[in-house]
Amino acid sequence: MTMTSPTLTAAFMLAAAAVLAMRATVVAANRKSMVRVRSRQRHPANTKTQG
C-alpha cells in the first residue's frame, strides 16, 4: 500500500492539472469566440444606426 498511495496521489494531481489546463484553454477559446461574435453583431448595428 505504501507504493500505491503515492502513485495514486500523483495520478490525481496530474489529472487535476490536466482538467484545469483544459478548462483554461476552453475559457480562453470561449472568450475569443464571444468577442468575435460581439464584434460581428456590433458592426451591422452601428452601420444601421449611422445610416
N, C-alpha and C. Protein backbone atom coordinates (compact mmCIF):
# COMPACT_ATOMS: atom_id res chain seq x y z
N MET A 1 0.82 -1.21 0.00
CA MET A 1 0.00 0.00 0.00
C MET A 1 0.86 1.26 0.00
N THR A 2 2.08 1.12 0.47
CA THR A 2 2.92 2.32 0.52
C THR A 2 3.29 2.78 -0.89
N MET A 3 3.36 1.84 -1.84
CA MET A 3 3.73 2.22 -3.20
C MET A 3 2.51 2.70 -3.98
N THR A 4 1.33 2.21 -3.64
CA THR A 4 0.15 2.59 -4.43
C THR A 4 -0.34 4.00 -4.05
N SER A 5 -0.25 4.37 -2.80
CA SER A 5 -0.77 5.69 -2.40
C SER A 5 -0.02 6.84 -3.07
N PRO A 6 1.31 6.83 -3.14
CA PRO A 6 2.00 7.94 -3.84
C PRO A 6 1.66 7.97 -5.31
N THR A 7 1.54 6.82 -5.94
CA THR A 7 1.22 6.80 -7.37
C THR A 7 -0.20 7.31 -7.59
N LEU A 8 -1.11 6.94 -6.71
CA LEU A 8 -2.50 7.42 -6.86
C LEU A 8 -2.56 8.93 -6.66
N THR A 9 -1.86 9.43 -5.67
CA THR A 9 -1.86 10.88 -5.44
C THR A 9 -1.24 11.61 -6.63
N ALA A 10 -0.16 11.05 -7.16
CA ALA A 10 0.50 11.69 -8.31
C ALA A 10 -0.44 11.68 -9.52
N ALA A 11 -1.11 10.56 -9.73
CA ALA A 11 -2.04 10.47 -10.87
C ALA A 11 -3.19 11.46 -10.68
N PHE A 12 -3.67 11.58 -9.45
CA PHE A 12 -4.77 12.51 -9.19
C PHE A 12 -4.33 13.95 -9.43
N MET A 13 -3.12 14.27 -9.01
CA MET A 13 -2.60 15.63 -9.21
C MET A 13 -2.44 15.91 -10.70
N LEU A 14 -1.93 14.92 -11.44
CA LEU A 14 -1.77 15.12 -12.88
C LEU A 14 -3.13 15.30 -13.55
N ALA A 15 -4.12 14.51 -13.13
CA ALA A 15 -5.45 14.62 -13.71
C ALA A 15 -6.05 15.99 -13.40
N ALA A 16 -5.88 16.44 -12.16
CA ALA A 16 -6.41 17.75 -11.78
C ALA A 16 -5.73 18.86 -12.59
N ALA A 17 -4.43 18.75 -12.78
CA ALA A 17 -3.71 19.77 -13.56
C ALA A 17 -4.19 19.75 -15.01
N ALA A 18 -4.43 18.56 -15.55
CA ALA A 18 -4.89 18.46 -16.93
C ALA A 18 -6.28 19.07 -17.07
N VAL A 19 -7.15 18.80 -16.10
CA VAL A 19 -8.51 19.36 -16.15
C VAL A 19 -8.47 20.88 -16.06
N LEU A 20 -7.63 21.39 -15.18
CA LEU A 20 -7.51 22.85 -15.05
C LEU A 20 -6.98 23.46 -16.34
N ALA A 21 -6.00 22.80 -16.95
CA ALA A 21 -5.44 23.32 -18.20
C ALA A 21 -6.50 23.31 -19.30
N MET A 22 -7.27 22.24 -19.37
CA MET A 22 -8.32 22.16 -20.39
C MET A 22 -9.37 23.24 -20.15
N ARG A 23 -9.73 23.46 -18.89
CA ARG A 23 -10.71 24.49 -18.59
C ARG A 23 -10.17 25.87 -18.98
N ALA A 24 -8.90 26.11 -18.71
CA ALA A 24 -8.31 27.40 -19.05
C ALA A 24 -8.34 27.61 -20.56
N THR A 25 -7.99 26.58 -21.32
CA THR A 25 -7.99 26.71 -22.78
C THR A 25 -9.40 26.90 -23.30
N VAL A 26 -10.36 26.18 -22.73
CA VAL A 26 -11.75 26.31 -23.19
C VAL A 26 -12.27 27.70 -22.87
N VAL A 27 -11.97 28.20 -21.69
CA VAL A 27 -12.43 29.54 -21.30
C VAL A 27 -11.82 30.58 -22.22
N ALA A 28 -10.53 30.43 -22.54
CA ALA A 28 -9.87 31.38 -23.43
C ALA A 28 -10.50 31.32 -24.82
N ALA A 29 -10.78 30.12 -25.31
CA ALA A 29 -11.39 29.98 -26.63
C ALA A 29 -12.79 30.58 -26.63
N ASN A 30 -13.54 30.35 -25.56
CA ASN A 30 -14.90 30.91 -25.48
C ASN A 30 -14.84 32.44 -25.44
N ARG A 31 -13.89 32.99 -24.71
CA ARG A 31 -13.78 34.44 -24.65
C ARG A 31 -13.46 35.01 -26.03
N LYS A 32 -12.55 34.38 -26.75
CA LYS A 32 -12.21 34.87 -28.08
C LYS A 32 -13.41 34.77 -29.02
N SER A 33 -14.11 33.64 -28.96
CA SER A 33 -15.26 33.47 -29.84
C SER A 33 -16.35 34.47 -29.48
N MET A 34 -16.58 34.70 -28.19
CA MET A 34 -17.60 35.66 -27.78
C MET A 34 -17.24 37.05 -28.26
N VAL A 35 -15.98 37.42 -28.16
CA VAL A 35 -15.55 38.75 -28.61
C VAL A 35 -15.76 38.87 -30.11
N ARG A 36 -15.47 37.81 -30.85
CA ARG A 36 -15.66 37.86 -32.30
C ARG A 36 -17.14 38.00 -32.63
N VAL A 37 -17.97 37.23 -31.96
CA VAL A 37 -19.41 37.29 -32.25
C VAL A 37 -19.94 38.67 -31.89
N ARG A 38 -19.52 39.21 -30.76
CA ARG A 38 -20.00 40.53 -30.35
C ARG A 38 -19.55 41.59 -31.36
N SER A 39 -18.31 41.51 -31.81
CA SER A 39 -17.83 42.50 -32.76
C SER A 39 -18.60 42.38 -34.08
N ARG A 40 -18.91 41.16 -34.48
CA ARG A 40 -19.67 40.98 -35.73
C ARG A 40 -21.08 41.54 -35.59
N GLN A 41 -21.68 41.36 -34.43
CA GLN A 41 -23.03 41.86 -34.24
C GLN A 41 -23.04 43.38 -34.11
N ARG A 42 -22.00 43.95 -33.55
CA ARG A 42 -21.98 45.40 -33.34
C ARG A 42 -21.81 46.16 -34.66
N HIS A 43 -21.03 45.62 -35.58
CA HIS A 43 -20.76 46.36 -36.82
C HIS A 43 -22.03 46.64 -37.62
N PRO A 44 -22.86 45.63 -37.90
CA PRO A 44 -24.08 45.94 -38.66
C PRO A 44 -25.02 46.85 -37.88
N ALA A 45 -25.07 46.69 -36.57
CA ALA A 45 -25.94 47.55 -35.77
C ALA A 45 -25.44 48.99 -35.86
N ASN A 46 -24.14 49.20 -35.82
CA ASN A 46 -23.60 50.56 -35.90
C ASN A 46 -23.88 51.17 -37.27
N THR A 47 -23.72 50.38 -38.31
CA THR A 47 -23.97 50.90 -39.66
C THR A 47 -25.44 51.26 -39.81
N LYS A 48 -26.34 50.45 -39.22
CA LYS A 48 -27.77 50.75 -39.34
C LYS A 48 -28.10 52.05 -38.60
N THR A 49 -27.55 52.21 -37.41
CA THR A 49 -27.86 53.41 -36.63
C THR A 49 -27.27 54.63 -37.31
N GLN A 50 -26.08 54.50 -37.87
CA GLN A 50 -25.45 55.64 -38.52
C GLN A 50 -26.15 55.96 -39.84
N GLY A 51 -26.56 54.92 -40.57
CA GLY A 51 -27.19 55.16 -41.86
C GLY A 51 -28.59 55.66 -41.67
